[in-house]
Protein backbone atom coordinates (compact mmCIF):
# COMPACT_ATOMS: atom_id res chain seq x y z
CA MET A 1 0.00 0.00 0.00
CA ASP A 2 1.43 3.38 -0.94
CA LYS A 3 1.93 6.15 1.60
CA ILE A 4 -1.00 8.36 0.50
CA ALA A 5 -3.47 5.44 0.52
CA ARG A 6 -2.29 4.56 4.03
CA ILE A 7 -2.78 8.16 5.22
CA LYS A 8 -6.33 8.16 3.79
CA GLN A 9 -7.08 4.88 5.56
CA LEU A 10 -5.78 6.30 8.86
CA VAL A 11 -7.93 9.44 8.50
CA GLU A 12 -11.07 7.39 7.81
CA SER A 13 -10.55 5.05 10.75
CA SER A 14 -9.60 7.93 13.07
CA LEU A 15 -12.79 9.82 12.23
CA ASP A 16 -14.90 6.70 12.78
CA THR A 17 -13.22 5.97 16.11
CA SER A 18 -13.22 9.53 17.44
CA PHE A 19 -16.64 10.66 16.23
CA GLY A 20 -18.58 7.38 16.26
CA GLY A 21 -19.34 7.34 12.56
CA ASP A 22 -21.12 10.72 12.73
CA ILE A 23 -18.86 12.23 10.08
CA SER A 24 -18.59 11.11 6.47
CA ILE A 25 -15.80 12.09 4.12
CA VAL A 26 -16.91 13.93 0.99
CA ASP A 27 -13.46 14.51 -0.49
CA MET A 28 -9.88 14.08 0.66
CA VAL A 29 -6.65 15.17 -1.00
CA VAL A 30 -3.23 14.35 0.43
CA LEU A 31 -0.42 16.43 -1.01
CA PRO A 32 3.28 16.00 -0.31
CA THR A 33 5.04 19.09 1.03
CA GLN A 34 8.63 20.09 0.45
CA GLU A 35 11.33 22.22 2.03
CA TYR A 36 14.33 23.90 0.51
CA ASN A 37 17.66 22.37 1.49
CA GLU A 38 20.28 25.12 1.65
CA GLU A 39 23.17 22.66 1.45
CA THR A 40 22.07 20.89 -1.73
CA LYS A 41 20.13 23.89 -3.15
CA GLU A 42 17.18 21.61 -3.94
CA TRP A 43 13.62 21.11 -2.79
CA VAL A 44 13.25 17.88 -0.81
CA PRO A 45 10.10 16.09 0.39
CA ASN A 46 9.45 16.55 4.11
CA SER A 47 5.80 15.83 4.98
CA HIS A 48 2.19 15.88 3.75
CA THR A 49 -0.81 18.19 4.00
CA ILE A 50 -4.35 16.81 4.13
CA PHE A 51 -7.26 18.76 2.64
CA LEU A 52 -10.45 17.20 3.96
CA SER A 53 -14.10 17.96 3.10
CA VAL A 54 -16.50 16.27 5.49
CA LYS A 55 -20.14 16.40 6.43
CA LYS A 56 -22.08 15.38 9.49
CA LYS A 57 -24.38 12.46 8.78
CA ASP A 58 -28.05 13.33 8.95
CA TYR A 59 -30.12 11.29 11.32
CA PRO A 60 -33.92 11.37 11.35
CA LEU A 61 -35.24 13.72 14.01
CA LYS A 62 -37.41 12.21 16.69
CA GLU A 63 -40.86 13.69 17.13
CA ASN A 64 -41.30 16.44 19.71
CA ILE A 65 -37.57 16.81 20.25
CA ASN A 66 -35.77 19.96 19.19
CA TYR A 67 -32.12 19.74 18.27
CA TYR A 68 -29.89 22.75 18.75
CA GLU A 69 -26.25 23.36 17.94
CA SER A 70 -25.64 24.28 21.58
CA GLU A 71 -26.67 20.77 22.56
CA GLY A 72 -23.76 19.28 20.64
CA ASN A 73 -25.55 18.48 17.40
CA ILE A 74 -22.69 19.93 15.37
CA VAL A 75 -19.05 18.93 15.25
CA ASP A 76 -16.61 21.82 15.18
CA SER A 77 -14.00 21.71 12.42
CA ARG A 78 -11.34 22.68 14.96
CA LYS A 79 -11.99 19.44 16.87
CA VAL A 80 -11.46 17.39 13.71
CA THR A 81 -8.38 19.40 12.72
CA ASN A 82 -6.76 19.20 16.15
CA MET A 83 -7.46 15.48 16.50
CA LEU A 84 -6.01 14.59 13.10
CA GLU A 85 -2.99 16.89 13.38
CA GLY A 86 -2.19 15.53 16.83
CA LEU A 87 -2.56 11.94 15.70
CA LEU A 88 -0.86 12.07 12.32
CA GLY A 89 1.59 14.95 12.73
CA PHE A 90 0.55 16.42 9.35
CA GLU A 91 -1.04 19.78 8.61
CA VAL A 92 -4.78 19.30 8.11
CA CYS A 93 -7.31 21.68 6.53
CA VAL A 94 -10.91 20.66 7.31
CA ASP A 95 -14.00 22.02 5.60
CA PHE A 96 -17.56 21.06 6.57
CA CYS A 97 -20.00 20.94 3.63
């Protein structure tokens, strides 16, 4: 399995584990990043950046129950970003659709 496919697999399983399957991935792009090496005067690979579009799965609302964002019905993109960056050590850009 190549490195990018493995990163994608880790992101998917991490989201499922951390958010109980409440988030589905719409699109994910993993790009290699580079840094300039002053000694060799060349750009060399050093890491990856993950661009992630996700959405919260819609569940049918129960009758006579109101759902509000303040009651935790929405997942903050910062939570997803911080969790993935802390786990993987890569820069992550998360967008909720």
